[in-house]
Amino acid sequence: MTDPELRAQSFEIAWRYLDQSGLLTGEHKDSARFILNLIDRMMLRAEQRRLLLSNAAIDAYRLRPALVSA
């Protein structure tokens, strides 16, 4: 699997979960940027496990302070 595929699949898993659970708040563009930034940072540290990337993005999104009130 290529890095772009891994990134896209990890994002899709996280996005689908957050959307279906009703946790997505604020502007979707800002939420997508937040999730992708986290996935990108983890991939730069050589993380290649799709579910770990997506679950970490979900957890970080749920705990983010800046977007909660948006």
C-alpha atoms as a PDB file:
ATOM      1  CA  MET A   1       0.000   0.000   0.000  1.00  0.00           C
ATOM      2  CA  THR A   2       1.336   3.431  -0.891  1.00  0.00           C
ATOM      3  CA  ASP A   3       1.488   6.317   1.551  1.00  0.00           C
ATOM      4  CA  PRO A   4      -1.325   8.230  -0.216  1.00  0.00           C
ATOM      5  CA  GLU A   5      -3.534   5.123  -0.058  1.00  0.00           C
ATOM      6  CA  LEU A   6      -2.723   4.578   3.612  1.00  0.00           C
ATOM      7  CA  ARG A   7      -3.445   8.246   4.358  1.00  0.00           C
ATOM      8  CA  ALA A   8      -6.749   8.165   2.458  1.00  0.00           C
ATOM      9  CA  GLN A   9      -7.931   4.924   4.049  1.00  0.00           C
ATOM     10  CA  SER A  10      -6.986   6.044   7.558  1.00  0.00           C
ATOM     11  CA  PHE A  11      -8.809   9.331   7.026  1.00  0.00           C
ATOM     12  CA  GLU A  12     -11.896   7.593   5.620  1.00  0.00           C
ATOM     13  CA  ILE A  13     -12.135   5.249   8.620  1.00  0.00           C
ATOM     14  CA  ALA A  14     -11.807   8.123  11.091  1.00  0.00           C
ATOM     15  CA  TRP A  15     -14.188  10.399   9.174  1.00  0.00           C
ATOM     16  CA  ARG A  16     -16.862   7.748   8.766  1.00  0.00           C
ATOM     17  CA  TYR A  17     -16.765   6.870  12.465  1.00  0.00           C
ATOM     18  CA  LEU A  18     -16.907  10.494  13.612  1.00  0.00           C
ATOM     19  CA  ASP A  19     -19.679  11.322  11.159  1.00  0.00           C
ATOM     20  CA  GLN A  20     -21.844   8.324  11.993  1.00  0.00           C
ATOM     21  CA  SER A  21     -21.396   8.850  15.727  1.00  0.00           C
ATOM     22  CA  GLY A  22     -22.417  12.505  15.464  1.00  0.00           C
ATOM     23  CA  LEU A  23     -19.098  13.773  16.810  1.00  0.00           C
ATOM     24  CA  LEU A  24     -18.215  15.973  13.828  1.00  0.00           C
ATOM     25  CA  THR A  25     -18.717  19.596  14.816  1.00  0.00           C
ATOM     26  CA  GLY A  26     -17.996  22.943  13.236  1.00  0.00           C
ATOM     27  CA  GLU A  27     -16.798  23.346   9.674  1.00  0.00           C
ATOM     28  CA  HIS A  28     -16.078  20.054   7.952  1.00  0.00           C
ATOM     29  CA  LYS A  29     -13.062  21.623   6.250  1.00  0.00           C
ATOM     30  CA  ASP A  30     -11.479  22.419   9.634  1.00  0.00           C
ATOM     31  CA  SER A  31     -12.317  18.961  10.969  1.00  0.00           C
ATOM     32  CA  ALA A  32     -10.805  17.279   7.913  1.00  0.00           C
ATOM     33  CA  ARG A  33      -7.652  19.382   8.222  1.00  0.00           C
ATOM     34  CA  PHE A  34      -7.328  18.459  11.908  1.00  0.00           C
ATOM     35  CA  ILE A  35      -7.664  14.726  11.194  1.00  0.00           C
ATOM     36  CA  LEU A  36      -5.306  14.770   8.212  1.00  0.00           C
ATOM     37  CA  ASN A  37      -2.668  16.783  10.078  1.00  0.00           C
ATOM     38  CA  LEU A  38      -2.592  14.209  12.849  1.00  0.00           C
ATOM     39  CA  ILE A  39      -2.385  11.305  10.398  1.00  0.00           C
ATOM     40  CA  ASP A  40       0.385  13.068   8.477  1.00  0.00           C
ATOM     41  CA  ARG A  41       2.427  13.711  11.636  1.00  0.00           C
ATOM     42  CA  MET A  42       2.163  10.075  12.647  1.00  0.00           C
ATOM     43  CA  MET A  43       3.122   8.891   9.178  1.00  0.00           C
ATOM     44  CA  LEU A  44       6.187  11.162   9.260  1.00  0.00           C
ATOM     45  CA  ARG A  45       7.224   9.208  12.362  1.00  0.00           C
ATOM     46  CA  ALA A  46       6.970   6.028  10.238  1.00  0.00           C
ATOM     47  CA  GLU A  47       3.622   4.772  11.529  1.00  0.00           C
ATOM     48  CA  GLN A  48       2.100   2.501   8.873  1.00  0.00           C
ATOM     49  CA  ARG A  49      -0.733   0.769  10.710  1.00  0.00           C
ATOM     50  CA  ARG A  50      -4.001   1.993   9.246  1.00  0.00           C
ATOM     51  CA  LEU A  51      -6.191   1.322  12.275  1.00  0.00           C
ATOM     52  CA  LEU A  52      -3.717   2.875  14.671  1.00  0.00           C
ATOM     53  CA  LEU A  53      -3.634   6.006  12.501  1.00  0.00           C
ATOM     54  CA  SER A  54      -7.407   6.233  12.269  1.00  0.00           C
ATOM     55  CA  ASN A  55      -8.029   5.454  15.952  1.00  0.00           C
ATOM     56  CA  ALA A  56      -5.431   8.009  17.058  1.00  0.00           C
ATOM     57  CA  ALA A  57      -7.108  10.598  14.822  1.00  0.00           C
ATOM     58  CA  ILE A  58     -10.517   9.772  16.325  1.00  0.00           C
ATOM     59  CA  ASP A  59      -9.198  10.030  19.878  1.00  0.00           C
ATOM     60  CA  ALA A  60      -7.388  13.315  19.184  1.00  0.00           C
ATOM     61  CA  TYR A  61     -10.482  14.771  17.525  1.00  0.00           C
ATOM     62  CA  ARG A  62     -12.670  13.825  20.460  1.00  0.00           C
ATOM     63  CA  LEU A  63     -10.225  15.445  22.893  1.00  0.00           C
ATOM     64  CA  ARG A  64      -9.381  18.582  20.867  1.00  0.00           C
ATOM     65  CA  PRO A  65      -9.958  21.789  22.800  1.00  0.00           C
ATOM     66  CA  ALA A  66     -10.031  24.326  19.946  1.00  0.00           C
ATOM     67  CA  LEU A  67     -12.855  22.941  17.818  1.00  0.00           C
ATOM     68  CA  VAL A  68     -15.210  21.806  20.583  1.00  0.00           C
ATOM     69  CA  SER A  69     -16.990  25.118  20.858  1.00  0.00           C
ATOM     70  CA  ALA A  70     -16.930  25.819  17.113  1.00  0.00           C
END
